Protein backbone atom coordinates (compact mmCIF):
# COMPACT_ATOMS: atom_id res chain seq x y z
CA MET A 1 39.29 1.89 15.02
CA GLY A 2 40.10 -0.90 12.57
CA SER A 3 42.36 -0.77 9.56
CA LYS A 4 40.79 -0.32 6.13
CA TYR A 5 43.32 -2.79 4.69
CA PRO A 6 42.06 -6.40 4.72
CA VAL A 7 44.04 -9.57 5.33
CA LEU A 8 44.02 -11.40 1.98
CA ARG A 9 45.31 -14.54 0.33
CA PRO A 10 48.03 -14.02 -2.30
CA GLN A 11 45.81 -15.55 -5.00
CA GLU A 12 43.18 -12.83 -4.41
CA ILE A 13 45.78 -10.08 -4.69
CA ILE A 14 47.25 -11.59 -7.87
CA ARG A 15 43.81 -11.92 -9.48
CA ILE A 16 43.03 -8.26 -8.84
CA LEU A 17 46.47 -7.04 -9.94
CA GLU A 18 46.03 -8.96 -13.22
CA LEU A 19 42.77 -7.04 -13.76
CA PHE A 20 44.86 -3.85 -13.52
CA GLY A 21 47.28 -5.10 -16.18
CA PHE A 22 50.03 -6.68 -14.08
CA SER A 23 51.63 -9.88 -15.34
CA TYR A 24 53.86 -12.57 -13.84
CA LYS A 25 57.59 -11.93 -14.24
CA SER A 26 59.52 -14.30 -11.95
CA GLN A 27 59.69 -16.03 -8.59
CA LYS A 28 62.49 -16.32 -6.06
CA GLY A 29 61.73 -18.55 -3.11
CA SER A 30 58.31 -17.71 -1.72
CA HIS A 31 58.12 -14.27 -3.35
CA VAL A 32 56.57 -13.63 -6.76
CA LYS A 33 57.30 -10.60 -8.93
CA TYR A 34 54.54 -9.03 -11.05
CA ILE A 35 55.16 -6.15 -13.42
CA LYS A 36 53.16 -3.60 -15.39
CA THR A 37 54.73 -1.81 -18.32
CA GLU A 38 52.96 1.12 -19.93
CA LYS A 39 54.11 3.34 -22.74
CA ASP A 40 55.51 6.66 -21.49
CA LYS A 41 55.31 5.53 -17.83
CA PRO A 42 57.88 3.82 -15.63
CA THR A 43 57.48 0.07 -15.14
CA LYS A 44 55.76 -0.84 -11.88
CA ILE A 45 57.11 -3.85 -10.00
CA VAL A 46 55.17 -5.56 -7.22
CA ILE A 47 56.56 -8.29 -4.95
CA ILE A 48 53.98 -10.64 -3.43
CA PRO A 49 54.84 -13.10 -0.64
CA MET A 50 53.22 -16.47 -1.29
CA HIS A 51 52.18 -17.15 2.31
CA ASN A 52 48.82 -18.46 3.57
CA GLU A 53 47.64 -14.92 4.30
CA ILE A 54 49.13 -11.52 3.65
CA ALA A 55 48.95 -9.15 6.61
CA LYS A 56 47.36 -5.70 6.44
CA GLY A 57 50.70 -3.89 6.42
CA ALA A 58 51.99 -6.02 3.55
CA VAL A 59 48.76 -5.41 1.58
CA LYS A 60 49.28 -1.68 2.09
CA SER A 61 52.87 -1.99 0.82
CA ILE A 62 51.78 -4.02 -2.23
CA LEU A 63 49.19 -1.39 -3.16
CA HIS A 64 51.78 1.36 -2.76
CA GLN A 65 54.17 -0.52 -5.09
CA ALA A 66 51.33 -0.95 -7.60
CA GLY A 67 50.32 2.70 -7.42
CA LEU A 68 46.76 1.80 -6.43
CA THR A 69 44.49 3.17 -3.72
CA ILE A 70 42.63 0.82 -1.42
CA GLU A 71 39.36 2.00 -2.97
CA GLU A 72 40.53 1.18 -6.52
CA PHE A 73 41.78 -2.20 -5.38
CA LEU A 74 38.66 -3.19 -3.46
CA SER A 75 36.39 -2.07 -6.33
CA LYS A 76 37.70 -5.07 -8.30
CA LYS A 77 37.33 -7.55 -5.42
């Protein structure tokens, strides 16, 4: 049985996260930090590796950091 998490390019992930209100914060080496600040909620921080492709496990981790389900994420793809 295959994984429901796709292998994606970092640009695709960033585009979708921006649709959910995340914005660029900083970069250190090949890792970019995006944040989402909402009133009365803790700030969410997502670290995205800027590699050619992001593996399924890393996509899962990014979505967990963002507080998104795979279904929510893929609905914006």
